[in-house]
């Protein structure tokens, strides 16, 4: 929860900075280094916030020039969502469930697409599961990308951050069988099994996060 709260703080700080400094669409915003120093936050956390805002089309990075503010009307999405999430614990649960809806829809879309379900990427992912450095986020992001729904991908990225970044860290030994079951079902275009196995993995991750949080 602290990681999610830190992310929300950064989004609000950037929004306030844009308002106070009267930065308009097309104007350049401070660099990552300048923002990190001003807000007193780590570069990696700030980078994640900026990457999310860029995926949502709120800011844009131009190679060799810097980062610029996009259409200010788009910022309503971040403002509304951040306000909603901060209301109560039930709101956090709603964000978690909404994120899962997008992930399930992505799996269903892939299973309904014979060409997508037969791509070599699934075997590649299966091999990467044996690598101790394989990131959970890479696995789920691949599913979102391969679904072909770019809007859903953008919404998913933001929801992931607001739900406490559930896919942080590397895949553990205990997860490999679960994730292999997901991949096998996708290759067989078995949408029902793929979704069931994915939900089971997601629930397991949530319980592990709660348990580790209680232990700390």
N, C-alpha and C. Protein backbone atom coordinates (compact mmCIF):
# COMPACT_ATOMS: atom_id res chain seq x y z
N UNK A 1 0.82 -1.20 0.00
CA UNK A 1 0.00 0.00 0.00
C UNK A 1 0.86 1.25 0.00
N UNK A 2 1.97 1.21 0.70
CA UNK A 2 2.84 2.39 0.75
C UNK A 2 3.37 2.74 -0.63
N UNK A 3 3.70 1.67 -1.40
CA UNK A 3 4.22 1.92 -2.74
C UNK A 3 3.16 2.59 -3.60
N UNK A 4 1.89 2.11 -3.49
CA UNK A 4 0.81 2.71 -4.24
C UNK A 4 0.58 4.15 -3.81
N UNK A 5 0.63 4.41 -2.51
CA UNK A 5 0.42 5.77 -2.00
C UNK A 5 1.53 6.68 -2.51
N UNK A 6 2.74 6.21 -2.55
CA UNK A 6 3.85 7.03 -3.05
C UNK A 6 3.61 7.40 -4.51
N UNK A 7 3.12 6.47 -5.26
CA UNK A 7 2.83 6.72 -6.66
C UNK A 7 1.75 7.80 -6.79
N UNK A 8 0.71 7.70 -5.99
CA UNK A 8 -0.37 8.69 -6.02
C UNK A 8 0.15 10.07 -5.65
N UNK A 9 1.04 10.11 -4.67
CA UNK A 9 1.63 11.39 -4.26
C UNK A 9 2.36 12.04 -5.44
N UNK A 10 3.11 11.24 -6.18
CA UNK A 10 3.88 11.78 -7.30
C UNK A 10 2.95 12.31 -8.39
N UNK A 11 1.90 11.56 -8.69
CA UNK A 11 0.94 12.01 -9.70
C UNK A 11 0.32 13.34 -9.29
N UNK A 12 -0.06 13.45 -8.01
CA UNK A 12 -0.65 14.69 -7.51
C UNK A 12 0.36 15.83 -7.55
N UNK A 13 1.61 15.52 -7.17
CA UNK A 13 2.65 16.56 -7.18
C UNK A 13 2.88 17.10 -8.58
N UNK A 14 2.90 16.20 -9.57
CA UNK A 14 3.10 16.62 -10.95
C UNK A 14 1.91 17.47 -11.40
N UNK A 15 0.71 17.04 -11.05
CA UNK A 15 -0.50 17.80 -11.40
C UNK A 15 -0.45 19.20 -10.77
N UNK A 16 -0.06 19.27 -9.49
CA UNK A 16 0.01 20.57 -8.81
C UNK A 16 1.09 21.45 -9.42
N UNK A 17 2.21 20.84 -9.79
CA UNK A 17 3.29 21.60 -10.41
C UNK A 17 2.83 22.22 -11.73
N UNK A 18 2.10 21.42 -12.51
CA UNK A 18 1.59 21.91 -13.79
C UNK A 18 0.65 23.09 -13.57
N UNK A 19 -0.17 23.00 -12.53
CA UNK A 19 -1.13 24.07 -12.26
C UNK A 19 -0.42 25.31 -11.73
N UNK A 20 0.46 25.14 -10.76
CA UNK A 20 1.11 26.28 -10.12
C UNK A 20 2.06 27.02 -11.06
N UNK A 21 2.74 26.26 -11.92
CA UNK A 21 3.69 26.88 -12.84
C UNK A 21 3.04 27.25 -14.18
N UNK A 22 1.71 27.03 -14.25
CA UNK A 22 0.95 27.42 -15.43
C UNK A 22 1.54 26.82 -16.71
N UNK A 23 1.90 25.54 -16.62
CA UNK A 23 2.44 24.84 -17.79
C UNK A 23 1.27 24.48 -18.70
N UNK A 24 1.38 24.80 -19.96
CA UNK A 24 0.30 24.59 -20.90
C UNK A 24 0.66 23.47 -21.89
N UNK A 25 -0.36 22.90 -22.54
CA UNK A 25 -0.09 21.85 -23.53
C UNK A 25 0.95 22.30 -24.54
N UNK A 26 1.94 21.45 -24.74
CA UNK A 26 3.03 21.79 -25.65
C UNK A 26 4.25 22.33 -24.94
N UNK A 27 4.08 22.76 -23.66
CA UNK A 27 5.22 23.26 -22.90
C UNK A 27 6.05 22.10 -22.35
N UNK A 28 7.32 22.37 -22.16
CA UNK A 28 8.23 21.37 -21.61
C UNK A 28 8.09 21.33 -20.09
N UNK A 29 8.10 20.12 -19.53
CA UNK A 29 8.08 19.97 -18.07
C UNK A 29 9.49 19.66 -17.60
N UNK A 30 9.80 19.88 -16.31
CA UNK A 30 11.16 19.63 -15.82
C UNK A 30 11.62 18.21 -16.12
N UNK A 31 12.91 18.03 -16.17
CA UNK A 31 13.49 16.72 -16.46
C UNK A 31 13.27 15.77 -15.30
N UNK A 32 13.51 14.50 -15.56
CA UNK A 32 13.36 13.47 -14.52
C UNK A 32 14.26 13.78 -13.32
N UNK A 33 15.48 14.21 -13.59
CA UNK A 33 16.40 14.54 -12.50
C UNK A 33 15.88 15.72 -11.68
N UNK A 34 15.39 16.76 -12.38
CA UNK A 34 14.88 17.93 -11.69
C UNK A 34 13.65 17.59 -10.85
N UNK A 35 12.75 16.77 -11.40
CA UNK A 35 11.55 16.38 -10.67
C UNK A 35 11.90 15.55 -9.43
N UNK A 36 12.85 14.63 -9.58
CA UNK A 36 13.25 13.78 -8.46
C UNK A 36 13.82 14.62 -7.32
N UNK A 37 14.62 15.62 -7.68
CA UNK A 37 15.21 16.48 -6.65
C UNK A 37 14.16 17.37 -5.99
N UNK A 38 13.25 17.91 -6.79
CA UNK A 38 12.21 18.78 -6.26
C UNK A 38 11.24 18.04 -5.36
N UNK A 39 10.84 16.85 -5.76
CA UNK A 39 9.85 16.08 -5.02
C UNK A 39 10.46 15.18 -3.96
N UNK A 40 11.81 15.08 -3.98
CA UNK A 40 12.51 14.25 -3.00
C UNK A 40 12.04 12.79 -3.07
N UNK A 41 12.04 12.25 -4.28
CA UNK A 41 11.64 10.86 -4.47
C UNK A 41 12.71 10.14 -5.28
N UNK A 42 12.68 8.81 -5.24
CA UNK A 42 13.64 8.02 -5.98
C UNK A 42 13.39 8.09 -7.47
N UNK A 43 14.46 8.00 -8.24
CA UNK A 43 14.34 8.11 -9.70
C UNK A 43 13.49 6.96 -10.26
N UNK A 44 13.62 5.75 -9.71
CA UNK A 44 12.89 4.60 -10.26
C UNK A 44 11.38 4.76 -10.06
N UNK A 45 10.96 5.23 -8.87
CA UNK A 45 9.54 5.44 -8.61
C UNK A 45 8.99 6.54 -9.49
N UNK A 46 9.74 7.62 -9.62
CA UNK A 46 9.31 8.73 -10.47
C UNK A 46 9.21 8.28 -11.92
N UNK A 47 10.17 7.47 -12.35
CA UNK A 47 10.18 7.00 -13.74
C UNK A 47 8.92 6.19 -14.05
N UNK A 48 8.49 5.37 -13.08
CA UNK A 48 7.28 4.58 -13.27
C UNK A 48 6.06 5.49 -13.43
N UNK A 49 5.99 6.54 -12.60
CA UNK A 49 4.86 7.48 -12.69
C UNK A 49 4.85 8.18 -14.04
N UNK A 50 6.02 8.64 -14.48
CA UNK A 50 6.11 9.32 -15.77
C UNK A 50 5.78 8.38 -16.92
N UNK A 51 6.22 7.14 -16.81
CA UNK A 51 5.94 6.17 -17.88
C UNK A 51 4.43 5.93 -17.98
N UNK A 52 3.75 5.85 -16.84
CA UNK A 52 2.30 5.66 -16.84
C UNK A 52 1.60 6.84 -17.50
N UNK A 53 2.03 8.05 -17.11
CA UNK A 53 1.41 9.25 -17.68
C UNK A 53 1.64 9.33 -19.18
N UNK A 54 2.80 8.86 -19.62
CA UNK A 54 3.09 8.90 -21.05
C UNK A 54 2.25 7.88 -21.81
N UNK A 55 2.08 6.68 -21.23
CA UNK A 55 1.26 5.66 -21.87
C UNK A 55 -0.18 6.12 -22.01
N UNK A 56 -0.63 6.93 -21.06
CA UNK A 56 -1.99 7.45 -21.10
C UNK A 56 -2.12 8.65 -22.03
N UNK A 57 -1.01 9.11 -22.57
CA UNK A 57 -1.06 10.23 -23.48
C UNK A 57 -1.12 11.58 -22.79
N UNK A 58 -0.79 11.61 -21.51
CA UNK A 58 -0.86 12.87 -20.76
C UNK A 58 0.40 13.70 -20.95
N UNK A 59 1.52 13.01 -21.17
CA UNK A 59 2.77 13.69 -21.48
C UNK A 59 3.41 12.96 -22.65
N UNK A 60 4.35 13.62 -23.31
CA UNK A 60 5.05 12.98 -24.41
C UNK A 60 6.53 13.32 -24.36
N UNK A 61 7.34 12.32 -24.66
CA UNK A 61 8.79 12.50 -24.65
C UNK A 61 9.30 12.59 -26.08
N UNK A 62 10.07 13.63 -26.34
CA UNK A 62 10.66 13.83 -27.66
C UNK A 62 12.17 13.63 -27.53
N UNK A 63 12.67 12.70 -28.27
CA UNK A 63 14.10 12.36 -28.17
C UNK A 63 14.97 13.59 -28.40
N UNK A 64 15.86 13.84 -27.45
CA UNK A 64 16.78 14.96 -27.56
C UNK A 64 16.19 16.30 -27.18
N UNK A 65 14.89 16.34 -26.87
CA UNK A 65 14.26 17.62 -26.54
C UNK A 65 13.72 17.66 -25.11
N UNK A 66 13.20 16.54 -24.63
CA UNK A 66 12.65 16.51 -23.27
C UNK A 66 11.24 15.98 -23.25
N UNK A 67 10.54 16.24 -22.14
CA UNK A 67 9.18 15.76 -21.94
C UNK A 67 8.22 16.94 -21.95
N UNK A 68 7.10 16.80 -22.65
CA UNK A 68 6.17 17.90 -22.84
C UNK A 68 4.76 17.51 -22.41
N UNK A 69 4.00 18.52 -22.01
CA UNK A 69 2.63 18.31 -21.57
C UNK A 69 1.72 18.16 -22.79
N UNK A 70 0.86 17.14 -22.75
CA UNK A 70 -0.11 16.95 -23.82
C UNK A 70 -1.39 17.69 -23.46
N UNK A 71 -2.47 17.40 -24.17
CA UNK A 71 -3.74 18.09 -23.96
C UNK A 71 -4.16 18.00 -22.50
N UNK A 72 -4.33 19.15 -21.84
CA UNK A 72 -4.61 19.17 -20.41
C UNK A 72 -5.94 18.53 -20.06
N UNK A 73 -6.86 18.41 -21.02
CA UNK A 73 -8.15 17.82 -20.71
C UNK A 73 -8.02 16.35 -20.33
N UNK A 74 -6.97 15.70 -20.81
CA UNK A 74 -6.77 14.30 -20.49
C UNK A 74 -6.42 14.08 -19.02
N UNK A 75 -5.97 15.12 -18.34
CA UNK A 75 -5.56 14.96 -16.95
C UNK A 75 -6.72 14.68 -16.02
N UNK A 76 -7.94 14.89 -16.50
CA UNK A 76 -9.11 14.60 -15.68
C UNK A 76 -9.14 13.13 -15.29
N UNK A 77 -8.67 12.24 -16.16
CA UNK A 77 -8.69 10.82 -15.86
C UNK A 77 -7.85 10.50 -14.63
N UNK A 78 -6.64 11.04 -14.58
CA UNK A 78 -5.77 10.79 -13.44
C UNK A 78 -6.36 11.41 -12.17
N UNK A 79 -6.88 12.61 -12.29
CA UNK A 79 -7.42 13.30 -11.13
C UNK A 79 -8.62 12.55 -10.54
N UNK A 80 -9.53 12.12 -11.42
CA UNK A 80 -10.72 11.41 -10.96
C UNK A 80 -10.34 10.08 -10.32
N UNK A 81 -9.43 9.35 -10.96
CA UNK A 81 -9.05 8.04 -10.44
C UNK A 81 -8.31 8.16 -9.12
N UNK A 82 -7.41 9.10 -9.00
CA UNK A 82 -6.65 9.25 -7.75
C UNK A 82 -7.58 9.65 -6.61
N UNK A 83 -8.55 10.51 -6.88
CA UNK A 83 -9.51 10.91 -5.85
C UNK A 83 -10.35 9.71 -5.43
N UNK A 84 -10.77 8.92 -6.39
CA UNK A 84 -11.59 7.76 -6.11
C UNK A 84 -10.85 6.74 -5.25
N UNK A 85 -9.62 6.46 -5.63
CA UNK A 85 -8.84 5.43 -4.94
C UNK A 85 -8.58 5.79 -3.49
N UNK A 86 -8.43 7.07 -3.21
CA UNK A 86 -8.10 7.50 -1.86
C UNK A 86 -9.29 7.50 -0.90
N UNK A 87 -10.49 7.15 -1.39
CA UNK A 87 -11.67 7.24 -0.55
C UNK A 87 -11.68 6.20 0.57
N UNK A 88 -11.57 4.92 0.23
CA UNK A 88 -11.64 3.88 1.26
C UNK A 88 -11.05 2.58 0.73
N UNK A 89 -11.00 1.57 1.61
CA UNK A 89 -10.41 0.30 1.23
C UNK A 89 -11.21 -0.40 0.14
N UNK A 90 -12.55 -0.22 0.15
CA UNK A 90 -13.37 -0.85 -0.87
C UNK A 90 -12.99 -0.34 -2.26
N UNK A 91 -12.61 0.93 -2.34
CA UNK A 91 -12.20 1.50 -3.62
C UNK A 91 -10.97 0.80 -4.16
N UNK A 92 -10.04 0.44 -3.27
CA UNK A 92 -8.84 -0.28 -3.69
C UNK A 92 -9.23 -1.66 -4.25
N UNK A 93 -10.20 -2.31 -3.60
CA UNK A 93 -10.67 -3.60 -4.08
C UNK A 93 -11.31 -3.47 -5.45
N UNK A 94 -12.07 -2.38 -5.64
CA UNK A 94 -12.72 -2.14 -6.94
C UNK A 94 -11.68 -1.97 -8.04
N UNK A 95 -10.59 -1.26 -7.73
CA UNK A 95 -9.52 -1.07 -8.71
C UNK A 95 -8.88 -2.42 -9.06
N UNK A 96 -8.65 -3.24 -8.04
CA UNK A 96 -8.06 -4.57 -8.26
C UNK A 96 -8.95 -5.39 -9.19
N UNK A 97 -10.27 -5.39 -8.91
CA UNK A 97 -11.21 -6.17 -9.72
C UNK A 97 -11.32 -5.62 -11.14
N UNK A 98 -11.27 -4.29 -11.28
CA UNK A 98 -11.35 -3.69 -12.61
C UNK A 98 -10.13 -4.04 -13.44
N UNK A 99 -8.96 -4.03 -12.80
CA UNK A 99 -7.73 -4.42 -13.49
C UNK A 99 -7.84 -5.87 -13.96
N UNK A 100 -8.37 -6.73 -13.10
CA UNK A 100 -8.50 -8.14 -13.44
C UNK A 100 -9.46 -8.34 -14.62
N UNK A 101 -10.49 -7.52 -14.70
CA UNK A 101 -11.43 -7.60 -15.83
C UNK A 101 -10.71 -7.38 -17.15
N UNK A 102 -9.81 -6.42 -17.18
CA UNK A 102 -9.05 -6.14 -18.41
C UNK A 102 -8.13 -7.31 -18.75
N UNK A 103 -7.52 -7.92 -17.74
CA UNK A 103 -6.62 -9.04 -17.97
C UNK A 103 -7.38 -10.26 -18.49
N UNK A 104 -8.54 -10.52 -17.90
CA UNK A 104 -9.37 -11.64 -18.34
C UNK A 104 -9.84 -11.42 -19.78
N UNK A 105 -10.26 -10.19 -20.09
CA UNK A 105 -10.70 -9.87 -21.45
C UNK A 105 -9.57 -10.08 -22.46
N UNK A 106 -8.35 -9.75 -22.06
CA UNK A 106 -7.20 -9.93 -22.94
C UNK A 106 -6.98 -11.41 -23.23
N UNK A 107 -7.06 -12.24 -22.20
CA UNK A 107 -6.88 -13.69 -22.38
C UNK A 107 -7.96 -14.26 -23.28
N UNK A 108 -9.20 -13.83 -23.07
CA UNK A 108 -10.31 -14.31 -23.89
C UNK A 108 -10.13 -13.91 -25.34
N UNK A 109 -9.66 -12.68 -25.57
CA UNK A 109 -9.45 -12.21 -26.94
C UNK A 109 -8.37 -13.03 -27.64
N UNK A 110 -7.30 -13.35 -26.91
CA UNK A 110 -6.22 -14.14 -27.49
C UNK A 110 -6.70 -15.55 -27.83
N UNK A 111 -7.47 -16.15 -26.92
CA UNK A 111 -7.95 -17.52 -27.14
C UNK A 111 -8.93 -17.60 -28.31
N UNK A 112 -9.60 -16.50 -28.60
CA UNK A 112 -10.55 -16.48 -29.72
C UNK A 112 -9.85 -16.21 -31.05
N UNK A 113 -8.56 -15.88 -30.97
CA UNK A 113 -7.78 -15.59 -32.18
C UNK A 113 -6.81 -16.74 -32.41
N UNK A 114 -7.12 -17.59 -33.38
CA UNK A 114 -6.31 -18.78 -33.61
C UNK A 114 -4.85 -18.44 -33.92
N UNK A 115 -4.64 -17.39 -34.71
CA UNK A 115 -3.27 -17.00 -35.06
C UNK A 115 -2.49 -16.58 -33.82
N UNK A 116 -3.15 -15.80 -32.93
CA UNK A 116 -2.48 -15.33 -31.72
C UNK A 116 -2.18 -16.47 -30.78
N UNK A 117 -3.10 -17.41 -30.65
CA UNK A 117 -2.89 -18.52 -29.71
C UNK A 117 -1.80 -19.47 -30.17
N UNK A 118 -1.46 -19.44 -31.46
CA UNK A 118 -0.44 -20.33 -31.98
C UNK A 118 0.91 -19.65 -32.20
N UNK A 119 1.06 -18.44 -31.70
CA UNK A 119 2.31 -17.72 -31.88
C UNK A 119 3.45 -18.37 -31.08
N UNK A 120 4.67 -18.18 -31.56
CA UNK A 120 5.84 -18.77 -30.90
C UNK A 120 6.14 -18.12 -29.55
N UNK A 121 5.51 -16.96 -29.31
CA UNK A 121 5.79 -16.24 -28.08
C UNK A 121 5.46 -17.06 -26.84
N UNK A 122 4.48 -17.96 -26.95
CA UNK A 122 4.08 -18.75 -25.78
C UNK A 122 5.19 -19.71 -25.36
N UNK A 123 5.82 -20.32 -26.34
CA UNK A 123 6.94 -21.20 -26.03
C UNK A 123 8.11 -20.39 -25.47
N UNK A 124 8.29 -19.18 -26.01
CA UNK A 124 9.35 -18.31 -25.52
C UNK A 124 9.10 -17.94 -24.06
N UNK A 125 7.84 -17.63 -23.74
CA UNK A 125 7.51 -17.29 -22.34
C UNK A 125 7.72 -18.50 -21.44
N UNK A 126 7.40 -19.68 -21.94
CA UNK A 126 7.58 -20.89 -21.14
C UNK A 126 9.07 -21.10 -20.81
N UNK A 127 9.92 -20.81 -21.77
CA UNK A 127 11.35 -20.94 -21.54
C UNK A 127 11.84 -19.89 -20.54
N UNK A 128 11.30 -18.68 -20.66
CA UNK A 128 11.72 -17.59 -19.78
C UNK A 128 11.29 -17.85 -18.33
N UNK A 129 10.26 -18.66 -18.14
CA UNK A 129 9.81 -18.97 -16.78
C UNK A 129 10.90 -19.71 -15.99
N UNK A 130 11.81 -20.33 -16.70
CA UNK A 130 12.89 -21.06 -16.04
C UNK A 130 14.01 -20.13 -15.60
N UNK A 131 13.93 -18.88 -16.07
CA UNK A 131 14.94 -17.89 -15.73
C UNK A 131 14.56 -17.21 -14.42
N UNK A 132 15.43 -17.22 -13.45
CA UNK A 132 15.14 -16.67 -12.14
C UNK A 132 14.90 -15.16 -12.16
N UNK A 133 15.25 -14.50 -13.27
CA UNK A 133 15.09 -13.05 -13.34
C UNK A 133 13.84 -12.63 -14.12
N UNK A 134 12.98 -13.59 -14.47
CA UNK A 134 11.79 -13.29 -15.26
C UNK A 134 10.79 -12.50 -14.40
N UNK A 135 10.39 -11.32 -14.89
CA UNK A 135 9.50 -10.45 -14.12
C UNK A 135 8.04 -10.79 -14.37
N UNK A 136 7.24 -10.77 -13.29
CA UNK A 136 5.81 -11.05 -13.41
C UNK A 136 5.15 -10.04 -14.36
N UNK A 137 5.53 -8.77 -14.21
CA UNK A 137 4.90 -7.73 -15.03
C UNK A 137 5.12 -8.00 -16.51
N UNK A 138 6.28 -8.52 -16.88
CA UNK A 138 6.55 -8.81 -18.29
C UNK A 138 5.56 -9.84 -18.83
N UNK A 139 5.25 -10.82 -18.01
CA UNK A 139 4.33 -11.88 -18.40
C UNK A 139 2.93 -11.32 -18.69
N UNK A 140 2.39 -10.54 -17.74
CA UNK A 140 1.03 -10.02 -17.90
C UNK A 140 0.97 -8.95 -18.98
N UNK A 141 2.00 -8.11 -19.05
CA UNK A 141 2.02 -7.08 -20.08
C UNK A 141 2.02 -7.71 -21.47
N UNK A 142 2.71 -8.84 -21.62
CA UNK A 142 2.72 -9.53 -22.90
C UNK A 142 1.31 -9.96 -23.29
N UNK A 143 0.54 -10.43 -22.31
CA UNK A 143 -0.85 -10.82 -22.58
C UNK A 143 -1.67 -9.61 -23.03
N UNK A 144 -1.49 -8.49 -22.32
CA UNK A 144 -2.24 -7.28 -22.66
C UNK A 144 -1.88 -6.79 -24.06
N UNK A 145 -0.61 -6.82 -24.41
CA UNK A 145 -0.16 -6.35 -25.72
C UNK A 145 -0.71 -7.25 -26.83
N UNK A 146 -0.63 -8.57 -26.62
CA UNK A 146 -1.04 -9.52 -27.65
C UNK A 146 -2.55 -9.57 -27.85
N UNK A 147 -3.30 -9.01 -26.91
CA UNK A 147 -4.76 -8.94 -27.09
C UNK A 147 -5.11 -7.96 -28.21
N UNK A 148 -4.19 -7.02 -28.48
CA UNK A 148 -4.39 -6.07 -29.56
C UNK A 148 -5.22 -4.86 -29.20
N UNK A 149 -5.61 -4.73 -27.92
CA UNK A 149 -6.44 -3.61 -27.50
C UNK A 149 -5.56 -2.56 -26.82
N UNK A 150 -5.18 -1.53 -27.54
CA UNK A 150 -4.25 -0.53 -27.02
C UNK A 150 -4.86 0.30 -25.90
N UNK A 151 -6.15 0.62 -26.01
CA UNK A 151 -6.80 1.39 -24.95
C UNK A 151 -6.83 0.60 -23.65
N UNK A 152 -7.16 -0.68 -23.76
CA UNK A 152 -7.19 -1.53 -22.57
C UNK A 152 -5.80 -1.61 -21.94
N UNK A 153 -4.76 -1.66 -22.78
CA UNK A 153 -3.38 -1.70 -22.27
C UNK A 153 -3.07 -0.44 -21.47
N UNK A 154 -3.47 0.72 -21.97
CA UNK A 154 -3.20 1.97 -21.27
C UNK A 154 -3.93 2.02 -19.93
N UNK A 155 -5.20 1.61 -19.95
CA UNK A 155 -5.98 1.62 -18.71
C UNK A 155 -5.39 0.62 -17.72
N UNK A 156 -4.99 -0.55 -18.23
CA UNK A 156 -4.41 -1.58 -17.37
C UNK A 156 -3.16 -1.07 -16.67
N UNK A 157 -2.31 -0.37 -17.39
CA UNK A 157 -1.06 0.09 -16.81
C UNK A 157 -1.31 1.02 -15.63
N UNK A 158 -2.28 1.91 -15.79
CA UNK A 158 -2.61 2.83 -14.70
C UNK A 158 -3.25 2.08 -13.53
N UNK A 159 -4.18 1.19 -13.83
CA UNK A 159 -4.85 0.43 -12.77
C UNK A 159 -3.87 -0.43 -12.00
N UNK A 160 -2.88 -0.97 -12.70
CA UNK A 160 -1.86 -1.78 -12.03
C UNK A 160 -1.14 -0.97 -10.97
N UNK A 161 -0.81 0.26 -11.30
CA UNK A 161 -0.11 1.12 -10.35
C UNK A 161 -0.99 1.44 -9.15
N UNK A 162 -2.28 1.70 -9.42
CA UNK A 162 -3.18 2.09 -8.34
C UNK A 162 -3.61 0.91 -7.48
N UNK A 163 -3.40 -0.30 -7.95
CA UNK A 163 -3.75 -1.47 -7.15
C UNK A 163 -2.53 -2.02 -6.43
N UNK A 164 -1.52 -1.17 -6.26
CA UNK A 164 -0.35 -1.56 -5.48
C UNK A 164 0.69 -2.32 -6.26
N UNK A 165 0.64 -2.20 -7.60
CA UNK A 165 1.62 -2.87 -8.46
C UNK A 165 1.74 -4.36 -8.10
N UNK A 166 0.65 -5.14 -8.29
CA UNK A 166 0.61 -6.54 -7.85
C UNK A 166 1.63 -7.44 -8.53
N UNK A 167 2.18 -7.02 -9.66
CA UNK A 167 3.10 -7.88 -10.39
C UNK A 167 4.56 -7.47 -10.23
N UNK A 168 4.86 -6.77 -9.17
CA UNK A 168 6.26 -6.42 -8.91
C UNK A 168 7.03 -7.67 -8.54
N UNK A 169 8.31 -7.66 -8.86
CA UNK A 169 9.16 -8.79 -8.48
C UNK A 169 9.26 -9.86 -9.55
N UNK A 170 10.10 -10.83 -9.28
CA UNK A 170 10.34 -11.92 -10.22
C UNK A 170 9.47 -13.13 -9.89
N UNK A 171 9.30 -13.98 -10.88
CA UNK A 171 8.49 -15.18 -10.71
C UNK A 171 9.20 -16.15 -9.77
N UNK A 172 8.47 -16.64 -8.78
CA UNK A 172 9.05 -17.60 -7.83
C UNK A 172 8.81 -19.02 -8.32
N UNK A 173 9.52 -19.96 -7.72
CA UNK A 173 9.40 -21.37 -8.11
C UNK A 173 7.97 -21.87 -7.94
N UNK A 174 7.29 -21.39 -6.91
CA UNK A 174 5.92 -21.83 -6.62
C UNK A 174 4.91 -21.40 -7.68
N UNK A 175 5.28 -20.43 -8.51
CA UNK A 175 4.34 -19.90 -9.50
C UNK A 175 4.48 -20.54 -10.88
N UNK A 176 5.59 -21.21 -11.13
CA UNK A 176 5.88 -21.69 -12.47
C UNK A 176 4.80 -22.61 -13.02
N UNK A 177 4.35 -23.58 -12.22
CA UNK A 177 3.32 -24.51 -12.69
C UNK A 177 2.02 -23.78 -13.01
N UNK A 178 1.66 -22.82 -12.17
CA UNK A 178 0.43 -22.06 -12.40
C UNK A 178 0.50 -21.32 -13.74
N UNK A 179 1.64 -20.68 -13.99
CA UNK A 179 1.78 -19.87 -15.20
C UNK A 179 1.90 -20.75 -16.45
N UNK A 180 2.52 -21.92 -16.30
CA UNK A 180 2.58 -22.86 -17.41
C UNK A 180 1.19 -23.35 -17.79
N UNK A 181 0.33 -23.54 -16.78
CA UNK A 181 -1.04 -23.96 -17.05
C UNK A 181 -1.79 -22.90 -17.85
N UNK A 182 -1.52 -21.63 -17.55
CA UNK A 182 -2.14 -20.53 -18.29
C UNK A 182 -1.70 -20.58 -19.75
N UNK A 183 -0.39 -20.74 -19.96
CA UNK A 183 0.15 -20.76 -21.31
C UNK A 183 -0.38 -21.95 -22.12
N UNK A 184 -0.45 -23.11 -21.50
CA UNK A 184 -0.95 -24.30 -22.19
C UNK A 184 -2.40 -24.12 -22.62
N UNK A 185 -3.21 -23.57 -21.73
CA UNK A 185 -4.62 -23.36 -22.05
C UNK A 185 -4.78 -22.35 -23.18
N UNK A 186 -3.95 -21.31 -23.19
CA UNK A 186 -4.02 -20.32 -24.27
C UNK A 186 -3.66 -20.97 -25.61
N UNK A 187 -2.62 -21.77 -25.62
CA UNK A 187 -2.21 -22.44 -26.86
C UNK A 187 -3.30 -23.37 -27.37
N UNK A 188 -4.07 -23.95 -26.46
CA UNK A 188 -5.16 -24.85 -26.83
C UNK A 188 -6.46 -24.10 -27.09
N UNK A 189 -6.40 -22.77 -27.00
CA UNK A 189 -7.58 -21.91 -27.17
C UNK A 189 -8.69 -22.28 -26.20
N UNK A 190 -8.28 -22.75 -25.03
CA UNK A 190 -9.22 -23.11 -23.97
C UNK A 190 -9.40 -21.90 -23.06
N UNK A 191 -10.28 -21.01 -23.46
CA UNK A 191 -10.47 -19.74 -22.75
C UNK A 191 -10.89 -19.96 -21.30
N UNK A 192 -11.81 -20.88 -21.08
CA UNK A 192 -12.33 -21.10 -19.72
C UNK A 192 -11.23 -21.52 -18.76
N UNK A 193 -10.40 -22.47 -19.19
CA UNK A 193 -9.31 -22.94 -18.33
C UNK A 193 -8.25 -21.85 -18.15
N UNK A 194 -7.92 -21.15 -19.23
CA UNK A 194 -6.90 -20.09 -19.14
C UNK A 194 -7.32 -19.02 -18.15
N UNK A 195 -8.58 -18.61 -18.21
CA UNK A 195 -9.08 -17.57 -17.30
C UNK A 195 -9.10 -18.10 -15.87
N UNK A 196 -9.55 -19.34 -15.69
CA UNK A 196 -9.61 -19.91 -14.34
C UNK A 196 -8.22 -20.00 -13.72
N UNK A 197 -7.25 -20.45 -14.50
CA UNK A 197 -5.88 -20.58 -13.99
C UNK A 197 -5.28 -19.20 -13.71
N UNK A 198 -5.58 -18.22 -14.57
CA UNK A 198 -5.05 -16.87 -14.35
C UNK A 198 -5.63 -16.27 -13.08
N UNK A 199 -6.93 -16.43 -12.86
CA UNK A 199 -7.56 -15.90 -11.65
C UNK A 199 -6.99 -16.57 -10.41
N UNK A 200 -6.72 -17.86 -10.50
CA UNK A 200 -6.14 -18.58 -9.36
C UNK A 200 -4.76 -18.04 -9.03
N UNK A 201 -3.98 -17.76 -10.07
CA UNK A 201 -2.64 -17.18 -9.87
C UNK A 201 -2.74 -15.80 -9.27
N UNK A 202 -3.67 -14.97 -9.79
CA UNK A 202 -3.85 -13.61 -9.29
C UNK A 202 -4.27 -13.62 -7.82
N UNK A 203 -5.18 -14.51 -7.46
CA UNK A 203 -5.62 -14.62 -6.07
C UNK A 203 -4.47 -15.07 -5.17
N UNK A 204 -3.65 -15.97 -5.69
CA UNK A 204 -2.49 -16.44 -4.92
C UNK A 204 -1.52 -15.29 -4.66
N UNK A 205 -1.29 -14.47 -5.70
CA UNK A 205 -0.41 -13.33 -5.54
C UNK A 205 -0.96 -12.34 -4.51
N UNK A 206 -2.25 -12.11 -4.55
CA UNK A 206 -2.86 -11.18 -3.60
C UNK A 206 -2.70 -11.67 -2.17
N UNK A 207 -2.92 -12.97 -1.97
CA UNK A 207 -2.77 -13.53 -0.62
C UNK A 207 -1.31 -13.46 -0.15
N UNK A 208 -0.39 -13.68 -1.07
CA UNK A 208 1.03 -13.60 -0.72
C UNK A 208 1.41 -12.18 -0.33
N UNK A 209 0.88 -11.20 -1.04
CA UNK A 209 1.18 -9.80 -0.73
C UNK A 209 0.64 -9.44 0.65
N UNK A 210 -0.59 -9.90 0.96
CA UNK A 210 -1.19 -9.61 2.25
C UNK A 210 -0.39 -10.28 3.37
N UNK A 211 -0.01 -11.55 3.11
CA UNK A 211 0.76 -12.29 4.12
C UNK A 211 2.10 -11.64 4.37
N UNK A 212 2.79 -11.26 3.30
CA UNK A 212 4.10 -10.62 3.46
C UNK A 212 3.97 -9.25 4.11
N UNK A 213 2.88 -8.57 3.81
CA UNK A 213 2.64 -7.28 4.42
C UNK A 213 2.40 -7.40 5.91
N UNK A 214 1.69 -8.43 6.29
CA UNK A 214 1.43 -8.66 7.70
C UNK A 214 2.68 -9.11 8.45
N UNK A 215 3.57 -9.77 7.69
CA UNK A 215 4.79 -10.26 8.34
C UNK A 215 5.79 -9.14 8.57
N UNK A 216 5.68 -8.06 7.73
CA UNK A 216 6.69 -7.00 7.81
C UNK A 216 6.39 -6.05 8.95
